[in-house]
Each structure stands twice: as structure tokens, then as C-alpha cells.
Amino acid sequence: GSIFNPQRRGIFQDMSQPLCHYFIASSHNTYLMEDQLRG
């Protein structure tokens, strides 16, 4: 009954296209837990 469609929770997209055709979850300065100067 939630706003998010349960059918979109699992993998439903075509995963056989070139890498450049996807948005990719990406992290910056992954090693830092805090700020960029003293963290």
C-alpha cells in the first residue's frame, strides 16, 4: 500500500547494455568519514 511500486524493488531492467547506458551509484572521497580538511 506504499507509494513505491513493489514491482520496481527487484531487478527489472535490462542489464545487458553497455556500461555507459547506466547511472552508476558512486562515492567521492570514500575513505573520509567527516570533512575534507581534518576528517
PDB file of all heavy atoms in Angstrom:
ATOM      1  N   GLY A   1       0.806  -1.212   0.000  1.00  0.00           N
ATOM      2  CA  GLY A   1       0.000   0.000   0.000  1.00  0.00           C
ATOM      3  C   GLY A   1       0.836   1.257   0.000  1.00  0.00           C
ATOM      4  O   GLY A   1       0.307   2.364   0.064  1.00  0.00           O
ATOM      5  N   SER A   2       2.172   1.103  -0.076  1.00  0.00           N
ATOM      6  CA  SER A   2       3.058   2.268  -0.021  1.00  0.00           C
ATOM      7  C   SER A   2       3.148   2.938  -1.388  1.00  0.00           C
ATOM      8  O   SER A   2       2.701   2.397  -2.398  1.00  0.00           O
ATOM      9  CB  SER A   2       4.458   1.868   0.451  1.00  0.00           C
ATOM     10  OG  SER A   2       5.179   1.281  -0.610  1.00  0.00           O
ATOM     11  N   ILE A   3       3.777   4.098  -1.402  1.00  0.00           N
ATOM     12  CA  ILE A   3       3.874   4.870  -2.647  1.00  0.00           C
ATOM     13  C   ILE A   3       4.853   4.243  -3.638  1.00  0.00           C
ATOM     14  O   ILE A   3       4.754   4.454  -4.843  1.00  0.00           O
ATOM     15  CB  ILE A   3       4.272   6.333  -2.337  1.00  0.00           C
ATOM     16  CG1 ILE A   3       4.004   7.241  -3.550  1.00  0.00           C
ATOM     17  CG2 ILE A   3       5.714   6.427  -1.859  1.00  0.00           C
ATOM     18  CD1 ILE A   3       4.059   8.710  -3.240  1.00  0.00           C
ATOM     19  N   PHE A   4       5.797   3.439  -3.134  1.00  0.00           N
ATOM     20  CA  PHE A   4       6.820   2.848  -4.014  1.00  0.00           C
ATOM     21  C   PHE A   4       6.294   1.537  -4.593  1.00  0.00           C
ATOM     22  O   PHE A   4       5.900   0.640  -3.861  1.00  0.00           O
ATOM     23  CB  PHE A   4       8.114   2.590  -3.236  1.00  0.00           C
ATOM     24  CG  PHE A   4       9.318   2.359  -4.111  1.00  0.00           C
ATOM     25  CD1 PHE A   4      10.244   3.366  -4.337  1.00  0.00           C
ATOM     26  CD2 PHE A   4       9.519   1.135  -4.746  1.00  0.00           C
ATOM     27  CE1 PHE A   4      11.348   3.166  -5.158  1.00  0.00           C
ATOM     28  CE2 PHE A   4      10.611   0.928  -5.566  1.00  0.00           C
ATOM     29  CZ  PHE A   4      11.527   1.946  -5.772  1.00  0.00           C
ATOM     30  N   ASN A   5       6.308   1.427  -5.900  1.00  0.00           N
ATOM     31  CA  ASN A   5       5.788   0.244  -6.595  1.00  0.00           C
ATOM     32  C   ASN A   5       6.645  -0.987  -6.285  1.00  0.00           C
ATOM     33  O   ASN A   5       7.822  -1.029  -6.637  1.00  0.00           O
ATOM     34  CB  ASN A   5       5.801   0.514  -8.109  1.00  0.00           C
ATOM     35  CG  ASN A   5       5.139  -0.596  -8.894  1.00  0.00           C
ATOM     36  OD1 ASN A   5       4.937  -1.701  -8.401  1.00  0.00           O
ATOM     37  ND2 ASN A   5       4.799  -0.305 -10.135  1.00  0.00           N
ATOM     38  N   PRO A   6       6.082  -2.013  -5.619  1.00  0.00           N
ATOM     39  CA  PRO A   6       6.872  -3.190  -5.252  1.00  0.00           C
ATOM     40  C   PRO A   6       7.504  -3.895  -6.461  1.00  0.00           C
ATOM     41  O   PRO A   6       8.551  -4.530  -6.334  1.00  0.00           O
ATOM     42  CB  PRO A   6       5.862  -4.124  -4.572  1.00  0.00           C
ATOM     43  CG  PRO A   6       4.681  -3.291  -4.256  1.00  0.00           C
ATOM     44  CD  PRO A   6       4.681  -2.132  -5.207  1.00  0.00           C
ATOM     45  N   GLN A   7       6.873  -3.759  -7.630  1.00  0.00           N
ATOM     46  CA  GLN A   7       7.421  -4.411  -8.823  1.00  0.00           C
ATOM     47  C   GLN A   7       8.730  -3.767  -9.286  1.00  0.00           C
ATOM     48  O   GLN A   7       9.452  -4.333 -10.107  1.00  0.00           O
ATOM     49  CB  GLN A   7       6.396  -4.371  -9.967  1.00  0.00           C
ATOM     50  CG  GLN A   7       5.168  -5.205  -9.663  1.00  0.00           C
ATOM     51  CD  GLN A   7       4.095  -5.051 -10.722  1.00  0.00           C
ATOM     52  OE1 GLN A   7       4.240  -4.268 -11.665  1.00  0.00           O
ATOM     53  NE2 GLN A   7       3.008  -5.781 -10.570  1.00  0.00           N
ATOM     54  N   ARG A   8       9.022  -2.578  -8.760  1.00  0.00           N
ATOM     55  CA  ARG A   8      10.274  -1.899  -9.120  1.00  0.00           C
ATOM     56  C   ARG A   8      11.373  -2.143  -8.083  1.00  0.00           C
ATOM     57  O   ARG A   8      12.459  -1.605  -8.210  1.00  0.00           O
ATOM     58  CB  ARG A   8      10.024  -0.383  -9.231  1.00  0.00           C
ATOM     59  CG  ARG A   8       9.006  -0.014 -10.316  1.00  0.00           C
ATOM     60  CD  ARG A   8       9.697   0.081 -11.646  1.00  0.00           C
ATOM     61  NE  ARG A   8       8.779   0.273 -12.734  1.00  0.00           N
ATOM     62  CZ  ARG A   8       9.008   1.084 -13.771  1.00  0.00           C
ATOM     63  NH1 ARG A   8      10.111   1.802 -13.798  1.00  0.00           N
ATOM     64  NH2 ARG A   8       8.170   1.161 -14.766  1.00  0.00           N
ATOM     65  N   ARG A   9      11.057  -2.895  -7.045  1.00  0.00           N
ATOM     66  CA  ARG A   9      12.051  -3.124  -5.989  1.00  0.00           C
ATOM     67  C   ARG A   9      13.126  -4.117  -6.423  1.00  0.00           C
ATOM     68  O   ARG A   9      14.300  -3.934  -6.152  1.00  0.00           O
ATOM     69  CB  ARG A   9      11.377  -3.621  -4.703  1.00  0.00           C
ATOM     70  CG  ARG A   9      10.597  -2.528  -4.013  1.00  0.00           C
ATOM     71  CD  ARG A   9      10.254  -2.867  -2.578  1.00  0.00           C
ATOM     72  NE  ARG A   9       9.511  -1.756  -1.961  1.00  0.00           N
ATOM     73  CZ  ARG A   9      10.069  -0.692  -1.434  1.00  0.00           C
ATOM     74  NH1 ARG A   9      11.381  -0.562  -1.432  1.00  0.00           N
ATOM     75  NH2 ARG A   9       9.325   0.266  -0.893  1.00  0.00           N
ATOM     76  N   GLY A  10      12.725  -5.191  -7.073  1.00  0.00           N
ATOM     77  CA  GLY A  10      13.693  -6.175  -7.558  1.00  0.00           C
ATOM     78  C   GLY A  10      14.338  -5.703  -8.851  1.00  0.00           C
ATOM     79  O   GLY A  10      14.005  -4.638  -9.381  1.00  0.00           O
ATOM     80  N   ILE A  11      15.262  -6.493  -9.380  1.00  0.00           N
ATOM     81  CA  ILE A  11      15.907  -6.125 -10.652  1.00  0.00           C
ATOM     82  C   ILE A  11      14.906  -6.358 -11.782  1.00  0.00           C
ATOM     83  O   ILE A  11      14.470  -7.485 -12.016  1.00  0.00           O
ATOM     84  CB  ILE A  11      17.198  -6.939 -10.863  1.00  0.00           C
ATOM     85  CG1 ILE A  11      18.241  -6.500  -9.828  1.00  0.00           C
ATOM     86  CG2 ILE A  11      17.743  -6.737 -12.282  1.00  0.00           C
ATOM     87  CD1 ILE A  11      19.513  -7.290  -9.830  1.00  0.00           C
ATOM     88  N   PHE A  12      14.520  -5.281 -12.441  1.00  0.00           N
ATOM     89  CA  PHE A  12      13.524  -5.374 -13.510  1.00  0.00           C
ATOM     90  C   PHE A  12      14.046  -4.793 -14.826  1.00  0.00           C
ATOM     91  O   PHE A  12      13.395  -4.904 -15.862  1.00  0.00           O
ATOM     92  CB  PHE A  12      12.229  -4.656 -13.105  1.00  0.00           C
ATOM     93  CG  PHE A  12      12.365  -3.161 -12.985  1.00  0.00           C
ATOM     94  CD1 PHE A  12      12.047  -2.339 -14.064  1.00  0.00           C
ATOM     95  CD2 PHE A  12      12.828  -2.570 -11.816  1.00  0.00           C
ATOM     96  CE1 PHE A  12      12.186  -0.955 -13.960  1.00  0.00           C
ATOM     97  CE2 PHE A  12      12.967  -1.197 -11.708  1.00  0.00           C
ATOM     98  CZ  PHE A  12      12.641  -0.385 -12.780  1.00  0.00           C
ATOM     99  N   GLN A  13      15.231  -4.169 -14.793  1.00  0.00           N
ATOM    100  CA  GLN A  13      15.744  -3.520 -16.002  1.00  0.00           C
ATOM    101  C   GLN A  13      16.659  -4.448 -16.794  1.00  0.00           C
ATOM    102  O   GLN A  13      17.210  -5.423 -16.262  1.00  0.00           O
ATOM    103  CB  GLN A  13      16.499  -2.243 -15.615  1.00  0.00           C
ATOM    104  CG  GLN A  13      15.592  -1.179 -15.028  1.00  0.00           C
ATOM    105  CD  GLN A  13      16.324   0.117 -14.726  1.00  0.00           C
ATOM    106  OE1 GLN A  13      17.513   0.127 -14.425  1.00  0.00           O
ATOM    107  NE2 GLN A  13      15.614   1.231 -14.793  1.00  0.00           N
ATOM    108  N   ASP A  14      16.831  -4.121 -18.064  1.00  0.00           N
ATOM    109  CA  ASP A  14      17.757  -4.844 -18.937  1.00  0.00           C
ATOM    110  C   ASP A  14      19.178  -4.526 -18.493  1.00  0.00           C
ATOM    111  O   ASP A  14      19.608  -3.378 -18.532  1.00  0.00           O
ATOM    112  CB  ASP A  14      17.520  -4.379 -20.384  1.00  0.00           C
ATOM    113  CG  ASP A  14      18.504  -5.004 -21.367  1.00  0.00           C
ATOM    114  OD1 ASP A  14      19.277  -5.895 -20.966  1.00  0.00           O
ATOM    115  OD2 ASP A  14      18.498  -4.589 -22.548  1.00  0.00           O
ATOM    116  N   MET A  15      19.918  -5.544 -18.062  1.00  0.00           N
ATOM    117  CA  MET A  15      21.276  -5.330 -17.553  1.00  0.00           C
ATOM    118  C   MET A  15      22.344  -5.733 -18.575  1.00  0.00           C
ATOM    119  O   MET A  15      23.516  -5.901 -18.214  1.00  0.00           O
ATOM    120  CB  MET A  15      21.479  -6.117 -16.250  1.00  0.00           C
ATOM    121  CG  MET A  15      20.491  -5.782 -15.154  1.00  0.00           C
ATOM    122  SD  MET A  15      20.467  -4.023 -14.720  1.00  0.00           S
ATOM    123  CE  MET A  15      22.039  -3.875 -13.878  1.00  0.00           C
ATOM    124  N   SER A  16      21.943  -5.863 -19.834  1.00  0.00           N
ATOM    125  CA  SER A  16      22.881  -6.352 -20.853  1.00  0.00           C
ATOM    126  C   SER A  16      23.346  -5.256 -21.810  1.00  0.00           C
ATOM    127  O   SER A  16      23.901  -5.540 -22.865  1.00  0.00           O
ATOM    128  CB  SER A  16      22.224  -7.490 -21.646  1.00  0.00           C
ATOM    129  OG  SER A  16      21.080  -7.004 -22.329  1.00  0.00           O
ATOM    130  N   GLN A  17      23.117  -3.984 -21.454  1.00  0.00           N
ATOM    131  CA  GLN A  17      23.549  -2.889 -22.317  1.00  0.00           C
ATOM    132  C   GLN A  17      24.935  -2.390 -21.878  1.00  0.00           C
ATOM    133  O   GLN A  17      25.391  -2.689 -20.780  1.00  0.00           O
ATOM    134  CB  GLN A  17      22.516  -1.772 -22.264  1.00  0.00           C
ATOM    135  CG  GLN A  17      21.139  -2.255 -22.728  1.00  0.00           C
ATOM    136  CD  GLN A  17      20.304  -1.154 -23.323  1.00  0.00           C
ATOM    137  OE1 GLN A  17      20.822  -0.173 -23.854  1.00  0.00           O
ATOM    138  NE2 GLN A  17      18.996  -1.305 -23.248  1.00  0.00           N
ATOM    139  N   PRO A  18      25.626  -1.608 -22.731  1.00  0.00           N
ATOM    140  CA  PRO A  18      26.971  -1.120 -22.368  1.00  0.00           C
ATOM    141  C   PRO A  18      26.953  -0.295 -21.079  1.00  0.00           C
ATOM    142  O   PRO A  18      25.964   0.378 -20.787  1.00  0.00           O
ATOM    143  CB  PRO A  18      27.372  -0.249 -23.574  1.00  0.00           C
ATOM    144  CG  PRO A  18      26.487  -0.680 -24.686  1.00  0.00           C
ATOM    145  CD  PRO A  18      25.217  -1.166 -24.078  1.00  0.00           C
ATOM    146  N   LEU A  19      28.041  -0.340 -20.339  1.00  0.00           N
ATOM    147  CA  LEU A  19      28.148   0.377 -19.061  1.00  0.00           C
ATOM    148  C   LEU A  19      27.726   1.840 -19.160  1.00  0.00           C
ATOM    149  O   LEU A  19      27.130   2.379 -18.234  1.00  0.00           O
ATOM    150  CB  LEU A  19      29.599   0.336 -18.545  1.00  0.00           C
ATOM    151  CG  LEU A  19      30.080  -0.891 -17.784  1.00  0.00           C
ATOM    152  CD1 LEU A  19      31.499  -0.657 -17.304  1.00  0.00           C
ATOM    153  CD2 LEU A  19      29.172  -1.215 -16.610  1.00  0.00           C
ATOM    154  N   CYS A  20      28.051   2.480 -20.283  1.00  0.00           N
ATOM    155  CA  CYS A  20      27.773   3.913 -20.415  1.00  0.00           C
ATOM    156  C   CYS A  20      26.276   4.214 -20.493  1.00  0.00           C
ATOM    157  O   CYS A  20      25.878   5.379 -20.455  1.00  0.00           O
ATOM    158  CB  CYS A  20      28.495   4.499 -21.629  1.00  0.00           C
ATOM    159  SG  CYS A  20      28.099   3.685 -23.173  1.00  0.00           S
ATOM    160  N   HIS A  21      25.440   3.183 -20.603  1.00  0.00           N
ATOM    161  CA  HIS A  21      23.991   3.386 -20.684  1.00  0.00           C
ATOM    162  C   HIS A  21      23.309   3.369 -19.314  1.00  0.00           C
ATOM    163  O   HIS A  21      22.083   3.363 -19.231  1.00  0.00           O
ATOM    164  CB  HIS A  21      23.360   2.333 -21.588  1.00  0.00           C
ATOM    165  CG  HIS A  21      23.637   2.575 -23.037  1.00  0.00           C
ATOM    166  ND1 HIS A  21      23.152   1.759 -24.048  1.00  0.00           N
ATOM    167  CD2 HIS A  21      24.358   3.544 -23.667  1.00  0.00           C
ATOM    168  CE1 HIS A  21      23.572   2.220 -25.213  1.00  0.00           C
ATOM    169  NE2 HIS A  21      24.303   3.305 -25.005  1.00  0.00           N
ATOM    170  N   TYR A  22      24.112   3.361 -18.248  1.00  0.00           N
ATOM    171  CA  TYR A  22      23.554   3.276 -16.894  1.00  0.00           C
ATOM    172  C   TYR A  22      24.037   4.431 -16.020  1.00  0.00           C
ATOM    173  O   TYR A  22      25.174   4.881 -16.150  1.00  0.00           O
ATOM    174  CB  TYR A  22      23.974   1.961 -16.213  1.00  0.00           C
ATOM    175  CG  TYR A  22      23.462   0.728 -16.909  1.00  0.00           C
ATOM    176  CD1 TYR A  22      24.149   0.190 -18.002  1.00  0.00           C
ATOM    177  CD2 TYR A  22      22.290   0.099 -16.500  1.00  0.00           C
ATOM    178  CE1 TYR A  22      23.682  -0.934 -18.664  1.00  0.00           C
ATOM    179  CE2 TYR A  22      21.818  -1.031 -17.155  1.00  0.00           C
ATOM    180  CZ  TYR A  22      22.512  -1.540 -18.238  1.00  0.00           C
ATOM    181  OH  TYR A  22      22.043  -2.658 -18.891  1.00  0.00           O
ATOM    182  N   PHE A  23      23.157   4.867 -15.107  1.00  0.00           N
ATOM    183  CA  PHE A  23      23.607   5.685 -13.991  1.00  0.00           C
ATOM    184  C   PHE A  23      24.206   4.715 -12.979  1.00  0.00           C
ATOM    185  O   PHE A  23      23.642   3.651 -12.713  1.00  0.00           O
ATOM    186  CB  PHE A  23      22.435   6.440 -13.356  1.00  0.00           C
ATOM    187  CG  PHE A  23      21.774   7.444 -14.271  1.00  0.00           C
ATOM    188  CD1 PHE A  23      20.414   7.361 -14.564  1.00  0.00           C
ATOM    189  CD2 PHE A  23      22.514   8.476 -14.839  1.00  0.00           C
ATOM    190  CE1 PHE A  23      19.803   8.284 -15.402  1.00  0.00           C
ATOM    191  CE2 PHE A  23      21.912   9.412 -15.685  1.00  0.00           C
ATOM    192  CZ  PHE A  23      20.557   9.308 -15.969  1.00  0.00           C
ATOM    193  N   ILE A  24      25.350   5.091 -12.397  1.00  0.00           N
ATOM    194  CA  ILE A  24      26.089   4.180 -11.520  1.00  0.00           C
ATOM    195  C   ILE A  24      26.247   4.835 -10.143  1.00  0.00           C
ATOM    196  O   ILE A  24      26.774   5.949 -10.034  1.00  0.00           O
ATOM    197  CB  ILE A  24      27.478   3.854 -12.122  1.00  0.00           C
ATOM    198  CG1 ILE A  24      27.319   3.254 -13.526  1.00  0.00           C
ATOM    199  CG2 ILE A  24      28.262   2.912 -11.212  1.00  0.00           C
ATOM    200  CD1 ILE A  24      28.626   3.101 -14.301  1.00  0.00           C
ATOM    201  N   ALA A  25      25.792   4.163  -9.089  1.00  0.00           N
ATOM    202  CA  ALA A  25      25.910   4.702  -7.726  1.00  0.00           C
ATOM    203  C   ALA A  25      27.384   4.896  -7.394  1.00  0.00           C
ATOM    204  O   ALA A  25      28.157   3.943  -7.418  1.00  0.00           O
ATOM    205  CB  ALA A  25      25.259   3.751  -6.729  1.00  0.00           C
ATOM    206  N   SER A  26      27.780   6.140  -7.086  1.00  0.00           N
ATOM    207  CA  SER A  26      29.210   6.471  -6.994  1.00  0.00           C
ATOM    208  C   SER A  26      29.525   7.348  -5.792  1.00  0.00           C
ATOM    209  O   SER A  26      28.788   8.275  -5.463  1.00  0.00           O
ATOM    210  CB  SER A  26      29.659   7.200  -8.269  1.00  0.00           C
ATOM    211  OG  SER A  26      29.336   6.429  -9.404  1.00  0.00           O
ATOM    212  N   SER A  27      30.666   7.055  -5.167  1.00  0.00           N
ATOM    213  CA  SER A  27      31.088   7.763  -3.961  1.00  0.00           C
ATOM    214  C   SER A  27      32.335   8.593  -4.229  1.00  0.00           C
ATOM    215  O   SER A  27      33.208   8.194  -4.997  1.00  0.00           O
ATOM    216  CB  SER A  27      31.356   6.727  -2.859  1.00  0.00           C
ATOM    217  OG  SER A  27      32.176   7.257  -1.854  1.00  0.00           O
ATOM    218  N   HIS A  28      32.419   9.737  -3.566  1.00  0.00           N
ATOM    219  CA  HIS A  28      33.576  10.633  -3.657  1.00  0.00           C
ATOM    220  C   HIS A  28      34.332  10.598  -2.333  1.00  0.00           C
ATOM    221  O   HIS A  28      33.725  10.525  -1.263  1.00  0.00           O
ATOM    222  CB  HIS A  28      33.080  12.062  -3.940  1.00  0.00           C
ATOM    223  CG  HIS A  28      34.166  13.094  -3.970  1.00  0.00           C
ATOM    224  ND1 HIS A  28      35.208  13.044  -4.862  1.00  0.00           N
ATOM    225  CD2 HIS A  28      34.364  14.217  -3.216  1.00  0.00           C
ATOM    226  CE1 HIS A  28      36.001  14.090  -4.668  1.00  0.00           C
ATOM    227  NE2 HIS A  28      35.516  14.809  -3.662  1.00  0.00           N
ATOM    228  N   ASN A  29      35.679  10.648  -2.404  1.00  0.00           N
ATOM    229  CA  ASN A  29      36.480  10.622  -1.164  1.00  0.00           C
ATOM    230  C   ASN A  29      35.969   9.545  -0.206  1.00  0.00           C
ATOM    231  O   ASN A  29      35.719   9.796   0.972  1.00  0.00           O
ATOM    232  CB  ASN A  29      36.433  11.980  -0.448  1.00  0.00           C
ATOM    233  CG  ASN A  29      37.228  13.046  -1.184  1.00  0.00           C
ATOM    234  OD1 ASN A  29      37.997  12.749  -2.103  1.00  0.00           O
ATOM    235  ND2 ASN A  29      37.039  14.285  -0.799  1.00  0.00           N
ATOM    236  N   THR A  30      35.813   8.345  -0.725  1.00  0.00           N
ATOM    237  CA  THR A  30      35.137   7.268   0.011  1.00  0.00           C
ATOM    238  C   THR A  30      35.793   6.973   1.353  1.00  0.00           C
ATOM    239  O   THR A  30      35.136   6.525   2.288  1.00  0.00           O
ATOM    240  CB  THR A  30      35.110   5.990  -0.855  1.00  0.00           C
ATOM    241  OG1 THR A  30      34.726   6.339  -2.191  1.00  0.00           O
ATOM    242  CG2 THR A  30      34.132   4.975  -0.314  1.00  0.00           C
ATOM    243  N   TYR A  31      37.076   7.241   1.449  1.00  0.00           N
ATOM    244  CA  TYR A  31      37.822   6.930   2.663  1.00  0.00           C
ATOM    245  C   TYR A  31      37.495   7.872   3.815  1.00  0.00           C
ATOM    246  O   TYR A  31      37.805   7.599   4.972  1.00  0.00           O
ATOM    247  CB  TYR A  31      39.338   6.997   2.386  1.00  0.00           C
ATOM    248  CG  TYR A  31      39.727   8.208   1.579  1.00  0.00           C
ATOM    249  CD1 TYR A  31      40.034   9.418   2.184  1.00  0.00           C
ATOM    250  CD2 TYR A  31      39.736   8.155   0.187  1.00  0.00           C
ATOM    251  CE1 TYR A  31      40.343  10.537   1.445  1.00  0.00           C
ATOM    252  CE2 TYR A  31      40.049   9.268  -0.575  1.00  0.00           C
ATOM    253  CZ  TYR A  31      40.348  10.461   0.059  1.00  0.00           C
ATOM    254  OH  TYR A  31      40.642  11.565  -0.689  1.00  0.00           O
ATOM    255  N   LEU A  32      36.864   9.028   3.518  1.00  0.00           N
ATOM    256  CA  LEU A  32      36.613  10.023   4.567  1.00  0.00           C
ATOM    257  C   LEU A  32      35.310   9.748   5.302  1.00  0.00           C
ATOM    258  O   LEU A  32      34.288   9.441   4.692  1.00  0.00           O
ATOM    259  CB  LEU A  32      36.560  11.430   3.973  1.00  0.00           C
ATOM    260  CG  LEU A  32      37.896  12.053   3.563  1.00  0.00           C
ATOM    261  CD1 LEU A  32      37.669  13.445   3.003  1.00  0.00           C
ATOM    262  CD2 LEU A  32      38.872  12.108   4.730  1.00  0.00           C
ATOM    263  N   MET A  33      35.356   9.907   6.630  1.00  0.00           N
ATOM    264  CA  MET A  33      34.162   9.765   7.461  1.00  0.00           C
ATOM    265  C   MET A  33      33.590  11.133   7.838  1.00  0.00           C
ATOM    266  O   MET A  33      32.475  11.230   8.312  1.00  0.00           O
ATOM    267  CB  MET A  33      34.497   8.998   8.750  1.00  0.00           C
ATOM    268  CG  MET A  33      35.078   7.614   8.516  1.00  0.00           C
ATOM    269  SD  MET A  33      33.919   6.508   7.688  1.00  0.00           S
ATOM    270  CE  MET A  33      32.778   6.168   9.014  1.00  0.00           C
ATOM    271  N   GLU A  34      34.409  12.198   7.618  1.00  0.00           N
ATOM    272  CA  GLU A  34      33.978  13.541   8.021  1.00  0.00           C
ATOM    273  C   GLU A  34      34.342  14.546   6.927  1.00  0.00           C
ATOM    274  O   GLU A  34      34.159  14.274   5.754  1.00  0.00           O
ATOM    275  CB  GLU A  34      34.628  13.918   9.366  1.00  0.00           C
ATOM    276  CG  GLU A  34      34.302  12.953  10.506  1.00  0.00           C
ATOM    277  CD  GLU A  34      35.302  13.045  11.636  1.00  0.00           C
ATOM    278  OE1 GLU A  34      35.753  14.165  11.927  1.00  0.00           O
ATOM    279  OE2 GLU A  34      35.652  11.993  12.212  1.00  0.00           O
ATOM    280  N   ASP A  35      34.913  15.710   7.351  1.00  0.00           N
ATOM    281  CA  ASP A  35      35.211  16.762   6.376  1.00  0.00           C
ATOM    282  C   ASP A  35      36.512  16.481   5.619  1.00  0.00           C
ATOM    283  O   ASP A  35      37.246  15.554   5.932  1.00  0.00           O
ATOM    284  CB  ASP A  35      35.268  18.142   7.062  1.00  0.00           C
ATOM    285  CG  ASP A  35      36.448  18.242   8.032  1.00  0.00           C
ATOM    286  OD1 ASP A  35      37.596  18.308   7.548  1.00  0.00           O
ATOM    287  OD2 ASP A  35      36.231  18.245   9.250  1.00  0.00           O
ATOM    288  N   GLN A  36      36.815  17.345   4.631  1.00  0.00           N
ATOM    289  CA  GLN A  36      37.939  17.099   3.721  1.00  0.00           C
ATOM    290  C   GLN A  36      39.253  17.723   4.178  1.00  0.00           C
ATOM    291  O   GLN A  36      40.256  17.593   3.481  1.00  0.00           O
ATOM    292  CB  GLN A  36      37.596  17.646   2.331  1.00  0.00           C
ATOM    293  CG  GLN A  36      36.393  16.973   1.719  1.00  0.00           C
ATOM    294  CD  GLN A  36      36.161  17.421   0.297  1.00  0.00           C
ATOM    295  OE1 GLN A  36      37.099  17.743  -0.414  1.00  0.00           O
ATOM    296  NE2 GLN A  36      34.912  17.459  -0.127  1.00  0.00           N
ATOM    297  N   LEU A  37      39.234  18.409   5.316  1.00  0.00           N
ATOM    298  CA  LEU A  37      40.464  19.058   5.770  1.00  0.00           C
ATOM    299  C   LEU A  37      41.088  18.350   6.968  1.00  0.00           C
ATOM    300  O   LEU A  37      42.289  18.151   7.029  1.00  0.00           O
ATOM    301  CB  LEU A  37      40.178  20.521   6.130  1.00  0.00           C
ATOM    302  CG  LEU A  37      39.834  21.426   4.949  1.00  0.00           C
ATOM    303  CD1 LEU A  37      39.511  22.816   5.436  1.00  0.00           C
ATOM    304  CD2 LEU A  37      40.977  21.477   3.950  1.00  0.00           C
ATOM    305  N   ARG A  38      40.236  17.984   7.937  1.00  0.00           N
ATOM    306  CA  ARG A  38      40.764  17.369   9.157  1.00  0.00           C
ATOM    307  C   ARG A  38      40.140  16.021   9.433  1.00  0.00           C
ATOM    308  O   ARG A  38      40.384  15.418  10.464  1.00  0.00           O
ATOM    309  CB  ARG A  38      40.486  18.286  10.357  1.00  0.00           C
ATOM    310  CG  ARG A  38      41.180  19.623  10.303  1.00  0.00           C
ATOM    311  CD  ARG A  38      40.568  20.579  11.320  1.00  0.00           C
ATOM    312  NE  ARG A  38      39.239  21.016  10.904  1.00  0.00           N
ATOM    313  CZ  ARG A  38      38.408  21.700  11.677  1.00  0.00           C
ATOM    314  NH1 ARG A  38      38.760  21.993  12.903  1.00  0.00           N
ATOM    315  NH2 ARG A  38      37.241  22.084  11.228  1.00  0.00           N
ATOM    316  N   GLY A  39      39.281  15.556   8.538  1.00  0.00           N
ATOM    317  CA  GLY A  39      38.461  14.369   8.798  1.00  0.00           C
ATOM    318  C   GLY A  39      39.247  13.078   8.960  1.00  0.00           C
ATOM    319  O   GLY A  39      40.407  12.959   8.578  1.00  0.00           O
TER     320      GLY A  39
END
